[in-house]
Amino acid sequence: MKTLWAPWRIQHVLGNASKTPGCIFEPSGQAFADKNQLLLYRDSLVIVLLNRYPYSNGHLLVAPIRHVACITDLSQQESHAIMEMIKKATTLLKKHLTPDGFNIGCNIGSIAGAGIADHLHFHMVPRWNGDHNFITVLADIRTIPEHIEATFDRLAPDFLSLYK
């Protein structure tokens, strides 16, 4: 028997996770990256965070810096920057995690499933063959095989290289 271990999710699953003041897509400070905030990348247009409560290992959130709720509110420059970052992030996730595929998308509005409806963001969810097999169906639980800080450490150097 194998033990499935993802202790960082329990507070979120139980609804006891501490609320981040303000918007998670507007982390404090001016740093380009910050492990404590799971911030992998930030420039003048785009931010990339590791999802603190991921659906799978390497689950990233890509958002515009500007606080907008809908994709139609993005400028052409913001749209281009977000799509380019999604492409770069896909390349980095392929390099470091070797997934078999991805789910990439956004939910616009709370009725569509957006947990943070007032700040548009894209989910990048790496997927592997058989990654969420029986446990999701039987217990409505997902398992993450690597600690989120280890994933951050794997991805951070390549995201940092994007500034050069």
C-alpha atoms as a PDB file:
ATOM      1  CA  MET A   1       0.000   0.000   0.000  1.00  0.00           C
ATOM      2  CA  LYS A   2       1.267   3.485  -0.842  1.00  0.00           C
ATOM      3  CA  THR A   3       0.686   6.492   1.382  1.00  0.00           C
ATOM      4  CA  LEU A   4      -0.588   9.638  -0.321  1.00  0.00           C
ATOM      5  CA  TRP A   5       0.715  12.739   1.478  1.00  0.00           C
ATOM      6  CA  ALA A   6      -0.181  16.378   0.748  1.00  0.00           C
ATOM      7  CA  PRO A   7      -0.248  18.085   4.174  1.00  0.00           C
ATOM      8  CA  TRP A   8      -0.246  21.658   2.902  1.00  0.00           C
ATOM      9  CA  ARG A   9      -3.794  21.223   1.531  1.00  0.00           C
ATOM     10  CA  ILE A  10      -5.544  20.298   4.784  1.00  0.00           C
ATOM     11  CA  GLN A  11      -6.240  23.832   5.988  1.00  0.00           C
ATOM     12  CA  HIS A  12      -7.694  24.692   2.576  1.00  0.00           C
ATOM     13  CA  VAL A  13      -9.755  21.476   2.416  1.00  0.00           C
ATOM     14  CA  LEU A  14     -11.176  22.160   5.894  1.00  0.00           C
ATOM     15  CA  GLY A  15     -11.871  25.814   5.057  1.00  0.00           C
ATOM     16  CA  ASN A  16      -9.420  26.979   7.734  1.00  0.00           C
ATOM     17  CA  ALA A  17      -6.730  28.445   5.465  1.00  0.00           C
ATOM     18  CA  SER A  18      -5.689  31.927   6.497  1.00  0.00           C
ATOM     19  CA  LYS A  19      -6.911  34.600   4.145  1.00  0.00           C
ATOM     20  CA  THR A  20      -4.270  36.624   2.350  1.00  0.00           C
ATOM     21  CA  PRO A  21      -4.877  40.329   2.897  1.00  0.00           C
ATOM     22  CA  GLY A  22      -5.646  42.070  -0.374  1.00  0.00           C
ATOM     23  CA  CYS A  23      -5.412  40.278  -3.686  1.00  0.00           C
ATOM     24  CA  ILE A  24      -3.068  37.285  -4.067  1.00  0.00           C
ATOM     25  CA  PHE A  25      -2.226  38.545  -7.555  1.00  0.00           C
ATOM     26  CA  GLU A  26      -0.878  41.737  -6.034  1.00  0.00           C
ATOM     27  CA  PRO A  27       1.766  40.410  -3.606  1.00  0.00           C
ATOM     28  CA  SER A  28       3.499  42.882  -1.338  1.00  0.00           C
ATOM     29  CA  GLY A  29       6.890  44.340  -2.162  1.00  0.00           C
ATOM     30  CA  GLN A  30       8.572  44.929  -5.472  1.00  0.00           C
ATOM     31  CA  ALA A  31      10.551  41.685  -5.785  1.00  0.00           C
ATOM     32  CA  PHE A  32      10.571  39.894  -9.116  1.00  0.00           C
ATOM     33  CA  ALA A  33      10.331  36.589  -7.236  1.00  0.00           C
ATOM     34  CA  ASP A  34       9.578  35.599  -3.620  1.00  0.00           C
ATOM     35  CA  LYS A  35       9.442  32.033  -2.322  1.00  0.00           C
ATOM     36  CA  ASN A  36       7.324  32.938   0.740  1.00  0.00           C
ATOM     37  CA  GLN A  37       4.613  34.303  -1.546  1.00  0.00           C
ATOM     38  CA  LEU A  38       5.165  31.523  -4.154  1.00  0.00           C
ATOM     39  CA  LEU A  39       5.903  34.330  -6.617  1.00  0.00           C
ATOM     40  CA  LEU A  40       7.916  32.928  -9.518  1.00  0.00           C
ATOM     41  CA  TYR A  41       7.828  35.958 -11.806  1.00  0.00           C
ATOM     42  CA  ARG A  42       6.622  39.555 -11.881  1.00  0.00           C
ATOM     43  CA  ASP A  43       7.224  42.302 -14.407  1.00  0.00           C
ATOM     44  CA  SER A  44       5.238  45.405 -15.352  1.00  0.00           C
ATOM     45  CA  LEU A  45       2.475  43.412 -17.101  1.00  0.00           C
ATOM     46  CA  VAL A  46       2.373  39.811 -15.844  1.00  0.00           C
ATOM     47  CA  ILE A  47       2.677  37.823 -12.630  1.00  0.00           C
ATOM     48  CA  VAL A  48       3.221  34.055 -12.202  1.00  0.00           C
ATOM     49  CA  LEU A  49       2.502  32.266  -8.920  1.00  0.00           C
ATOM     50  CA  LEU A  50       2.530  28.656  -7.850  1.00  0.00           C
ATOM     51  CA  ASN A  51      -0.988  27.817  -6.715  1.00  0.00           C
ATOM     52  CA  ARG A  52      -0.842  27.362  -2.923  1.00  0.00           C
ATOM     53  CA  TYR A  53      -3.685  24.806  -3.155  1.00  0.00           C
ATOM     54  CA  PRO A  54      -2.888  23.062  -6.452  1.00  0.00           C
ATOM     55  CA  TYR A  55      -4.948  20.617  -8.464  1.00  0.00           C
ATOM     56  CA  SER A  56      -1.678  18.955  -9.476  1.00  0.00           C
ATOM     57  CA  ASN A  57       2.035  19.351  -8.986  1.00  0.00           C
ATOM     58  CA  GLY A  58       3.313  22.509 -10.728  1.00  0.00           C
ATOM     59  CA  HIS A  59      -0.112  24.194 -10.933  1.00  0.00           C
ATOM     60  CA  LEU A  60       0.667  27.800 -11.929  1.00  0.00           C
ATOM     61  CA  LEU A  61      -1.449  30.942 -11.927  1.00  0.00           C
ATOM     62  CA  VAL A  62      -0.697  33.570 -14.586  1.00  0.00           C
ATOM     63  CA  ALA A  63      -2.385  36.951 -14.254  1.00  0.00           C
ATOM     64  CA  PRO A  64      -2.119  40.508 -15.474  1.00  0.00           C
ATOM     65  CA  ILE A  65      -0.562  42.933 -13.017  1.00  0.00           C
ATOM     66  CA  ARG A  66      -3.488  45.277 -13.578  1.00  0.00           C
ATOM     67  CA  HIS A  67      -6.535  44.345 -11.515  1.00  0.00           C
ATOM     68  CA  VAL A  68      -9.197  43.475 -14.122  1.00  0.00           C
ATOM     69  CA  ALA A  69     -12.015  40.964 -13.942  1.00  0.00           C
ATOM     70  CA  CYS A  70     -12.526  39.981 -17.568  1.00  0.00           C
ATOM     71  CA  ILE A  71     -10.399  39.058 -20.538  1.00  0.00           C
ATOM     72  CA  THR A  72     -12.186  41.775 -22.515  1.00  0.00           C
ATOM     73  CA  ASP A  73     -10.696  44.386 -20.165  1.00  0.00           C
ATOM     74  CA  LEU A  74      -7.113  43.548 -21.179  1.00  0.00           C
ATOM     75  CA  SER A  75      -5.137  45.825 -23.451  1.00  0.00           C
ATOM     76  CA  GLN A  76      -3.554  44.294 -26.531  1.00  0.00           C
ATOM     77  CA  GLN A  77      -0.147  44.568 -24.832  1.00  0.00           C
ATOM     78  CA  GLU A  78      -1.425  42.760 -21.715  1.00  0.00           C
ATOM     79  CA  SER A  79      -3.064  40.018 -23.801  1.00  0.00           C
ATOM     80  CA  HIS A  80       0.151  39.466 -25.718  1.00  0.00           C
ATOM     81  CA  ALA A  81       2.307  39.458 -22.547  1.00  0.00           C
ATOM     82  CA  ILE A  82       0.037  36.925 -20.804  1.00  0.00           C
ATOM     83  CA  MET A  83      -0.036  34.563 -23.790  1.00  0.00           C
ATOM     84  CA  GLU A  84       3.742  34.799 -24.183  1.00  0.00           C
ATOM     85  CA  MET A  85       4.193  34.013 -20.490  1.00  0.00           C
ATOM     86  CA  ILE A  86       1.841  31.040 -20.754  1.00  0.00           C
ATOM     87  CA  LYS A  87       3.966  29.753 -23.646  1.00  0.00           C
ATOM     88  CA  LYS A  88       7.221  30.252 -21.691  1.00  0.00           C
ATOM     89  CA  ALA A  89       5.768  28.706 -18.541  1.00  0.00           C
ATOM     90  CA  THR A  90       4.551  25.698 -20.543  1.00  0.00           C
ATOM     91  CA  THR A  91       8.095  25.209 -21.842  1.00  0.00           C
ATOM     92  CA  LEU A  92       9.523  25.394 -18.305  1.00  0.00           C
ATOM     93  CA  LEU A  93       6.939  23.003 -16.866  1.00  0.00           C
ATOM     94  CA  LYS A  94       7.660  20.529 -19.683  1.00  0.00           C
ATOM     95  CA  LYS A  95      11.393  20.793 -18.961  1.00  0.00           C
ATOM     96  CA  HIS A  96      11.163  20.309 -15.188  1.00  0.00           C
ATOM     97  CA  LEU A  97       8.069  18.160 -14.619  1.00  0.00           C
ATOM     98  CA  THR A  98       7.664  16.285 -17.934  1.00  0.00           C
ATOM     99  CA  PRO A  99       3.854  16.156 -17.890  1.00  0.00           C
ATOM    100  CA  ASP A 100       1.895  14.239 -20.513  1.00  0.00           C
ATOM    101  CA  GLY A 101      -0.414  17.210 -21.106  1.00  0.00           C
ATOM    102  CA  PHE A 102      -1.884  20.409 -19.659  1.00  0.00           C
ATOM    103  CA  ASN A 103      -5.161  22.025 -18.753  1.00  0.00           C
ATOM    104  CA  ILE A 104      -4.771  25.772 -19.389  1.00  0.00           C
ATOM    105  CA  GLY A 105      -7.654  28.191 -18.998  1.00  0.00           C
ATOM    106  CA  CYS A 106      -9.499  30.781 -16.979  1.00  0.00           C
ATOM    107  CA  ASN A 107     -12.869  31.074 -15.276  1.00  0.00           C
ATOM    108  CA  ILE A 108     -14.541  34.435 -15.776  1.00  0.00           C
ATOM    109  CA  GLY A 109     -17.038  35.256 -13.043  1.00  0.00           C
ATOM    110  CA  SER A 110     -17.841  33.386  -9.856  1.00  0.00           C
ATOM    111  CA  ILE A 111     -20.722  31.542 -11.543  1.00  0.00           C
ATOM    112  CA  ALA A 112     -18.125  30.039 -13.917  1.00  0.00           C
ATOM    113  CA  GLY A 113     -16.003  28.843 -11.024  1.00  0.00           C
ATOM    114  CA  ALA A 114     -13.619  31.760 -10.493  1.00  0.00           C
ATOM    115  CA  GLY A 115     -12.566  31.644  -6.852  1.00  0.00           C
ATOM    116  CA  ILE A 116     -11.113  35.137  -7.232  1.00  0.00           C
ATOM    117  CA  ALA A 117     -13.527  36.652  -9.718  1.00  0.00           C
ATOM    118  CA  ASP A 118     -12.343  40.248  -9.629  1.00  0.00           C
ATOM    119  CA  HIS A 119      -8.757  39.573 -10.816  1.00  0.00           C
ATOM    120  CA  LEU A 120      -8.508  37.649 -14.078  1.00  0.00           C
ATOM    121  CA  HIS A 121      -6.069  34.744 -13.946  1.00  0.00           C
ATOM    122  CA  PHE A 122      -5.189  31.672 -15.953  1.00  0.00           C
ATOM    123  CA  HIS A 123      -4.624  28.235 -14.469  1.00  0.00           C
ATOM    124  CA  MET A 124      -1.845  26.101 -15.898  1.00  0.00           C
ATOM    125  CA  VAL A 125      -2.318  22.563 -14.643  1.00  0.00           C
ATOM    126  CA  PRO A 126       0.224  19.922 -15.684  1.00  0.00           C
ATOM    127  CA  ARG A 127      -1.340  16.485 -16.205  1.00  0.00           C
ATOM    128  CA  TRP A 128       0.068  12.957 -16.248  1.00  0.00           C
ATOM    129  CA  ASN A 129      -1.495   9.753 -17.450  1.00  0.00           C
ATOM    130  CA  GLY A 130      -3.382   8.356 -14.436  1.00  0.00           C
ATOM    131  CA  ASP A 131      -2.514  11.344 -12.241  1.00  0.00           C
ATOM    132  CA  HIS A 132      -5.832  11.635 -10.403  1.00  0.00           C
ATOM    133  CA  ASN A 133      -7.171   8.143 -10.746  1.00  0.00           C
ATOM    134  CA  PHE A 134      -9.364   6.542  -8.073  1.00  0.00           C
ATOM    135  CA  ILE A 135      -8.787   8.959  -5.187  1.00  0.00           C
ATOM    136  CA  THR A 136     -10.516  11.872  -6.946  1.00  0.00           C
ATOM    137  CA  VAL A 137     -13.526   9.741  -7.873  1.00  0.00           C
ATOM    138  CA  LEU A 138     -13.929   8.056  -4.488  1.00  0.00           C
ATOM    139  CA  ALA A 139     -12.956  10.788  -2.045  1.00  0.00           C
ATOM    140  CA  ASP A 140     -13.030  14.072  -3.989  1.00  0.00           C
ATOM    141  CA  ILE A 141      -9.344  14.506  -3.093  1.00  0.00           C
ATOM    142  CA  ARG A 142      -6.346  15.201  -5.297  1.00  0.00           C
ATOM    143  CA  THR A 143      -2.798  14.184  -4.506  1.00  0.00           C
ATOM    144  CA  ILE A 144       0.390  16.175  -5.103  1.00  0.00           C
ATOM    145  CA  PRO A 145       3.569  14.087  -5.211  1.00  0.00           C
ATOM    146  CA  GLU A 146       6.110  16.851  -4.528  1.00  0.00           C
ATOM    147  CA  HIS A 147       6.208  19.481  -1.795  1.00  0.00           C
ATOM    148  CA  ILE A 148       5.309  22.912  -3.173  1.00  0.00           C
ATOM    149  CA  GLU A 149       8.591  24.455  -1.953  1.00  0.00           C
ATOM    150  CA  ALA A 150      10.579  21.808  -3.866  1.00  0.00           C
ATOM    151  CA  THR A 151       8.582  22.626  -6.999  1.00  0.00           C
ATOM    152  CA  PHE A 152       9.284  26.335  -6.464  1.00  0.00           C
ATOM    153  CA  ASP A 153      13.018  25.619  -6.126  1.00  0.00           C
ATOM    154  CA  ARG A 154      12.957  23.601  -9.372  1.00  0.00           C
ATOM    155  CA  LEU A 155      11.172  26.277 -11.398  1.00  0.00           C
ATOM    156  CA  ALA A 156      12.549  29.519  -9.902  1.00  0.00           C
ATOM    157  CA  PRO A 157      15.981  29.603 -11.604  1.00  0.00           C
ATOM    158  CA  ASP A 158      14.471  29.363 -15.084  1.00  0.00           C
ATOM    159  CA  PHE A 159      11.796  31.957 -14.345  1.00  0.00           C
ATOM    160  CA  LEU A 160      14.549  34.232 -13.006  1.00  0.00           C
ATOM    161  CA  SER A 161      16.431  33.778 -16.283  1.00  0.00           C
ATOM    162  CA  LEU A 162      13.449  35.310 -18.127  1.00  0.00           C
ATOM    163  CA  TYR A 163      14.544  38.736 -16.780  1.00  0.00           C
ATOM    164  CA  LYS A 164      17.817  38.641 -18.725  1.00  0.00           C
END
